[in-house]
Amino acid sequence: MSKSYKTLRIAHWNANGLQNDREEIKLFLSHNKIDILLVSETHFTAKTYFSIPGYSLCHKNHPDDRAHGGTTILIRTTIQYAEQLHYAKPEIQATII
């Protein structure tokens, strides 16, 4: 008996500021049936609110909390995951699931 596996579709997006790309990202996720989107250069701060329907969001901002750097992972809500301890130094930020 053979097992049936679903293909997991993962993509990366270098945003250079994610807030302004919300509609483009929604179209990209839908059109390409992306399950997990890894995003660099989000430029989020503690005051940023960002969501995409049907996706959970895990993120790590730049440690100085200014609008530069940062990473995010958008995960389809039907996928189980666990957030791990994130990493943030001035030169690198990492969101880990």
C-alpha atoms as a PDB file:
ATOM      1  CA  MET A   1       0.000   0.000   0.000  1.00  0.00           C
ATOM      2  CA  SER A   2       1.492   3.362  -0.990  1.00  0.00           C
ATOM      3  CA  LYS A   3       1.258   6.444   1.191  1.00  0.00           C
ATOM      4  CA  SER A   4      -0.140   9.691  -0.129  1.00  0.00           C
ATOM      5  CA  TYR A   5       1.907  12.828   0.650  1.00  0.00           C
ATOM      6  CA  LYS A   6       0.906  16.424   0.115  1.00  0.00           C
ATOM      7  CA  THR A   7       3.565  18.652  -1.376  1.00  0.00           C
ATOM      8  CA  LEU A   8       4.577  21.522   0.898  1.00  0.00           C
ATOM      9  CA  ARG A   9       5.105  24.728  -1.072  1.00  0.00           C
ATOM     10  CA  ILE A  10       7.644  27.114   0.498  1.00  0.00           C
ATOM     11  CA  ALA A  11       8.802  30.458  -0.924  1.00  0.00           C
ATOM     12  CA  HIS A  12      11.060  33.328   0.139  1.00  0.00           C
ATOM     13  CA  TRP A  13      10.264  37.037  -0.269  1.00  0.00           C
ATOM     14  CA  ASN A  14      12.742  39.867   0.343  1.00  0.00           C
ATOM     15  CA  ALA A  15      10.213  42.547   1.211  1.00  0.00           C
ATOM     16  CA  ASN A  16      12.225  45.717   1.857  1.00  0.00           C
ATOM     17  CA  GLY A  17       9.180  46.738   3.923  1.00  0.00           C
ATOM     18  CA  LEU A  18       6.276  44.280   4.071  1.00  0.00           C
ATOM     19  CA  GLN A  19       3.394  46.632   4.937  1.00  0.00           C
ATOM     20  CA  ASN A  20       3.194  48.151   1.457  1.00  0.00           C
ATOM     21  CA  ASP A  21       3.168  44.738  -0.265  1.00  0.00           C
ATOM     22  CA  ARG A  22       0.152  43.225   1.526  1.00  0.00           C
ATOM     23  CA  GLU A  23      -2.095  42.929  -1.566  1.00  0.00           C
ATOM     24  CA  GLU A  24       0.743  41.688  -3.781  1.00  0.00           C
ATOM     25  CA  ILE A  25       1.650  39.056  -1.173  1.00  0.00           C
ATOM     26  CA  LYS A  26      -1.961  37.903  -0.897  1.00  0.00           C
ATOM     27  CA  LEU A  27      -2.092  37.428  -4.671  1.00  0.00           C
ATOM     28  CA  PHE A  28       1.292  35.655  -4.716  1.00  0.00           C
ATOM     29  CA  LEU A  29       0.255  33.246  -1.929  1.00  0.00           C
ATOM     30  CA  SER A  30      -3.067  32.458  -3.583  1.00  0.00           C
ATOM     31  CA  HIS A  31      -1.844  32.182  -7.176  1.00  0.00           C
ATOM     32  CA  ASN A  32       1.142  29.971  -6.267  1.00  0.00           C
ATOM     33  CA  LYS A  33      -0.640  27.984  -3.515  1.00  0.00           C
ATOM     34  CA  ILE A  34       2.150  28.784  -1.039  1.00  0.00           C
ATOM     35  CA  ASP A  35       1.967  27.026   2.335  1.00  0.00           C
ATOM     36  CA  ILE A  36       4.886  28.786   4.038  1.00  0.00           C
ATOM     37  CA  LEU A  37       6.357  32.154   3.086  1.00  0.00           C
ATOM     38  CA  LEU A  38       9.737  33.131   4.551  1.00  0.00           C
ATOM     39  CA  VAL A  39      10.103  36.916   4.540  1.00  0.00           C
ATOM     40  CA  SER A  40      13.248  38.980   5.084  1.00  0.00           C
ATOM     41  CA  GLU A  41      13.545  42.757   5.554  1.00  0.00           C
ATOM     42  CA  THR A  42      10.030  43.189   6.984  1.00  0.00           C
ATOM     43  CA  HIS A  43      10.798  46.576   8.585  1.00  0.00           C
ATOM     44  CA  PHE A  44       8.259  45.854  11.373  1.00  0.00           C
ATOM     45  CA  THR A  45       8.304  47.587  14.764  1.00  0.00           C
ATOM     46  CA  ALA A  46       6.447  46.795  17.979  1.00  0.00           C
ATOM     47  CA  LYS A  47       3.605  49.011  16.682  1.00  0.00           C
ATOM     48  CA  THR A  48       3.204  47.129  13.391  1.00  0.00           C
ATOM     49  CA  TYR A  49       0.051  45.120  12.777  1.00  0.00           C
ATOM     50  CA  PHE A  50       0.122  42.758   9.802  1.00  0.00           C
ATOM     51  CA  SER A  51      -2.098  39.830   8.907  1.00  0.00           C
ATOM     52  CA  ILE A  52      -3.086  37.784   5.885  1.00  0.00           C
ATOM     53  CA  PRO A  53      -6.353  35.803   6.099  1.00  0.00           C
ATOM     54  CA  GLY A  54      -5.700  32.052   6.262  1.00  0.00           C
ATOM     55  CA  TYR A  55      -2.124  32.467   7.530  1.00  0.00           C
ATOM     56  CA  SER A  56      -0.493  32.619  10.949  1.00  0.00           C
ATOM     57  CA  LEU A  57       2.416  35.002  11.407  1.00  0.00           C
ATOM     58  CA  CYS A  58       5.623  34.514  13.403  1.00  0.00           C
ATOM     59  CA  HIS A  59       8.125  37.356  13.334  1.00  0.00           C
ATOM     60  CA  LYS A  60      11.254  38.854  14.853  1.00  0.00           C
ATOM     61  CA  ASN A  61      11.918  42.582  14.606  1.00  0.00           C
ATOM     62  CA  HIS A  62      15.271  44.315  14.601  1.00  0.00           C
ATOM     63  CA  PRO A  63      16.430  44.615  18.248  1.00  0.00           C
ATOM     64  CA  ASP A  64      16.422  48.442  18.159  1.00  0.00           C
ATOM     65  CA  ASP A  65      12.694  48.331  17.191  1.00  0.00           C
ATOM     66  CA  ARG A  66      13.143  50.755  14.301  1.00  0.00           C
ATOM     67  CA  ALA A  67      11.634  50.067  10.873  1.00  0.00           C
ATOM     68  CA  HIS A  68      14.477  48.112   9.283  1.00  0.00           C
ATOM     69  CA  GLY A  69      15.640  44.484   9.139  1.00  0.00           C
ATOM     70  CA  GLY A  70      13.398  41.823  10.653  1.00  0.00           C
ATOM     71  CA  THR A  71      12.057  38.462   9.534  1.00  0.00           C
ATOM     72  CA  THR A  72       8.619  36.857   9.316  1.00  0.00           C
ATOM     73  CA  ILE A  73       7.222  33.443   8.526  1.00  0.00           C
ATOM     74  CA  LEU A  74       3.668  33.253   7.186  1.00  0.00           C
ATOM     75  CA  ILE A  75       2.246  29.749   7.716  1.00  0.00           C
ATOM     76  CA  ARG A  76      -1.032  28.446   6.327  1.00  0.00           C
ATOM     77  CA  THR A  77      -3.370  28.067   9.329  1.00  0.00           C
ATOM     78  CA  THR A  78      -4.017  24.398   8.482  1.00  0.00           C
ATOM     79  CA  ILE A  79      -0.353  23.541   9.210  1.00  0.00           C
ATOM     80  CA  GLN A  80       0.623  22.656  12.758  1.00  0.00           C
ATOM     81  CA  TYR A  81       3.852  24.257  13.985  1.00  0.00           C
ATOM     82  CA  ALA A  82       5.635  25.363  17.127  1.00  0.00           C
ATOM     83  CA  GLU A  83       7.519  28.623  17.502  1.00  0.00           C
ATOM     84  CA  GLN A  84      11.054  28.294  18.800  1.00  0.00           C
ATOM     85  CA  LEU A  85      13.246  30.858  20.513  1.00  0.00           C
ATOM     86  CA  HIS A  86      13.914  33.601  17.959  1.00  0.00           C
ATOM     87  CA  TYR A  87      17.341  35.173  17.414  1.00  0.00           C
ATOM     88  CA  ALA A  88      17.986  38.905  17.090  1.00  0.00           C
ATOM     89  CA  LYS A  89      21.277  40.763  16.923  1.00  0.00           C
ATOM     90  CA  PRO A  90      21.832  44.079  15.122  1.00  0.00           C
ATOM     91  CA  GLU A  91      23.399  42.271  12.162  1.00  0.00           C
ATOM     92  CA  ILE A  92      20.931  39.352  11.883  1.00  0.00           C
ATOM     93  CA  GLN A  93      17.387  38.431  12.918  1.00  0.00           C
ATOM     94  CA  ALA A  94      15.862  34.958  12.627  1.00  0.00           C
ATOM     95  CA  THR A  95      12.321  33.687  13.085  1.00  0.00           C
ATOM     96  CA  ILE A  96      12.325  29.981  13.923  1.00  0.00           C
ATOM     97  CA  ILE A  97       9.485  27.453  13.885  1.00  0.00           C
END
